């Protein structure tokens, strides 16, 4: 019946109708939930090809001077 697809489309349509303030509030809630869960989660393995220097510098590999 494709109810999952329909549900995802309706969630997307609802998000398109939200104001910027609402999007920021949703982002704050997700970040606070992530911060509560993150200490108990396992660390993700490094991306293929990431060197220890690039991992310490961040995603783009730029080292702060």
C-alpha atoms as a PDB file:
ATOM      1  CA  UNK A   1       0.000   0.000   0.000  1.00  0.00           C
ATOM      2  CA  UNK A   2       3.079   2.241   0.145  1.00  0.00           C
ATOM      3  CA  UNK A   3       2.082   3.826   3.439  1.00  0.00           C
ATOM      4  CA  UNK A   4       5.710   4.304   4.436  1.00  0.00           C
ATOM      5  CA  UNK A   5       6.408   6.322   1.292  1.00  0.00           C
ATOM      6  CA  UNK A   6       3.234   8.344   1.792  1.00  0.00           C
ATOM      7  CA  UNK A   7       4.147   9.016   5.422  1.00  0.00           C
ATOM      8  CA  UNK A   8       7.632  10.219   4.494  1.00  0.00           C
ATOM      9  CA  UNK A   9       6.176  12.511   1.832  1.00  0.00           C
ATOM     10  CA  UNK A  10       3.764  13.994   4.372  1.00  0.00           C
ATOM     11  CA  UNK A  11       6.592  14.587   6.858  1.00  0.00           C
ATOM     12  CA  UNK A  12       8.528  16.353   4.106  1.00  0.00           C
ATOM     13  CA  UNK A  13       5.498  18.460   3.211  1.00  0.00           C
ATOM     14  CA  UNK A  14       5.045  19.422   6.858  1.00  0.00           C
ATOM     15  CA  UNK A  15       8.697  20.450   7.102  1.00  0.00           C
ATOM     16  CA  UNK A  16       8.337  22.619   4.008  1.00  0.00           C
ATOM     17  CA  UNK A  17       5.596  24.585   5.765  1.00  0.00           C
ATOM     18  CA  UNK A  18       7.591  25.295   8.929  1.00  0.00           C
ATOM     19  CA  UNK A  19       9.116  28.675   9.705  1.00  0.00           C
ATOM     20  CA  UNK A  20      12.850  29.170  10.283  1.00  0.00           C
ATOM     21  CA  UNK A  21      12.236  29.438  14.026  1.00  0.00           C
ATOM     22  CA  UNK A  22      10.551  26.020  14.013  1.00  0.00           C
ATOM     23  CA  UNK A  23      13.426  24.430  12.091  1.00  0.00           C
ATOM     24  CA  UNK A  24      15.933  25.827  14.594  1.00  0.00           C
ATOM     25  CA  UNK A  25      13.869  24.507  17.518  1.00  0.00           C
ATOM     26  CA  UNK A  26      13.781  21.039  15.946  1.00  0.00           C
ATOM     27  CA  UNK A  27      17.544  21.188  15.364  1.00  0.00           C
ATOM     28  CA  UNK A  28      18.149  22.144  19.026  1.00  0.00           C
ATOM     29  CA  UNK A  29      16.044  19.199  20.199  1.00  0.00           C
ATOM     30  CA  UNK A  30      17.902  16.731  17.992  1.00  0.00           C
ATOM     31  CA  UNK A  31      21.279  18.098  19.101  1.00  0.00           C
ATOM     32  CA  UNK A  32      20.371  17.868  22.782  1.00  0.00           C
ATOM     33  CA  UNK A  33      19.140  14.298  22.278  1.00  0.00           C
ATOM     34  CA  UNK A  34      22.345  13.455  20.389  1.00  0.00           C
ATOM     35  CA  UNK A  35      24.444  14.946  23.192  1.00  0.00           C
ATOM     36  CA  UNK A  36      22.617  12.799  25.753  1.00  0.00           C
ATOM     37  CA  UNK A  37      23.057   9.614  23.701  1.00  0.00           C
ATOM     38  CA  UNK A  38      26.585  10.232  22.345  1.00  0.00           C
ATOM     39  CA  UNK A  39      28.510   9.360  25.550  1.00  0.00           C
ATOM     40  CA  UNK A  40      27.046   5.857  25.492  1.00  0.00           C
ATOM     41  CA  UNK A  41      27.480   5.178  21.786  1.00  0.00           C
ATOM     42  CA  UNK A  42      30.506   3.499  20.268  1.00  0.00           C
ATOM     43  CA  UNK A  43      32.893   5.749  18.354  1.00  0.00           C
ATOM     44  CA  UNK A  44      32.615   5.512  14.593  1.00  0.00           C
ATOM     45  CA  UNK A  45      35.586   4.073  12.716  1.00  0.00           C
ATOM     46  CA  UNK A  46      37.638   6.599  10.723  1.00  0.00           C
ATOM     47  CA  UNK A  47      36.734   7.120   7.089  1.00  0.00           C
ATOM     48  CA  UNK A  48      38.852   5.193   4.577  1.00  0.00           C
ATOM     49  CA  UNK A  49      42.006   7.103   3.742  1.00  0.00           C
ATOM     50  CA  UNK A  50      41.858   9.388   6.796  1.00  0.00           C
ATOM     51  CA  UNK A  51      45.281   9.890   8.340  1.00  0.00           C
ATOM     52  CA  UNK A  52      45.736  10.664  12.046  1.00  0.00           C
ATOM     53  CA  UNK A  53      46.710  14.247  11.129  1.00  0.00           C
ATOM     54  CA  UNK A  54      43.545  14.697   9.051  1.00  0.00           C
ATOM     55  CA  UNK A  55      41.412  13.212  11.824  1.00  0.00           C
ATOM     56  CA  UNK A  56      42.897  15.625  14.363  1.00  0.00           C
ATOM     57  CA  UNK A  57      42.372  18.562  12.012  1.00  0.00           C
ATOM     58  CA  UNK A  58      38.741  17.824  11.185  1.00  0.00           C
ATOM     59  CA  UNK A  59      36.787  16.706   8.150  1.00  0.00           C
ATOM     60  CA  UNK A  60      38.467  18.901   5.545  1.00  0.00           C
ATOM     61  CA  UNK A  61      41.993  18.096   6.726  1.00  0.00           C
ATOM     62  CA  UNK A  62      42.962  21.738   7.285  1.00  0.00           C
ATOM     63  CA  UNK A  63      45.245  22.262  10.256  1.00  0.00           C
ATOM     64  CA  UNK A  64      44.723  25.471  12.234  1.00  0.00           C
ATOM     65  CA  UNK A  65      47.827  27.621  12.372  1.00  0.00           C
END
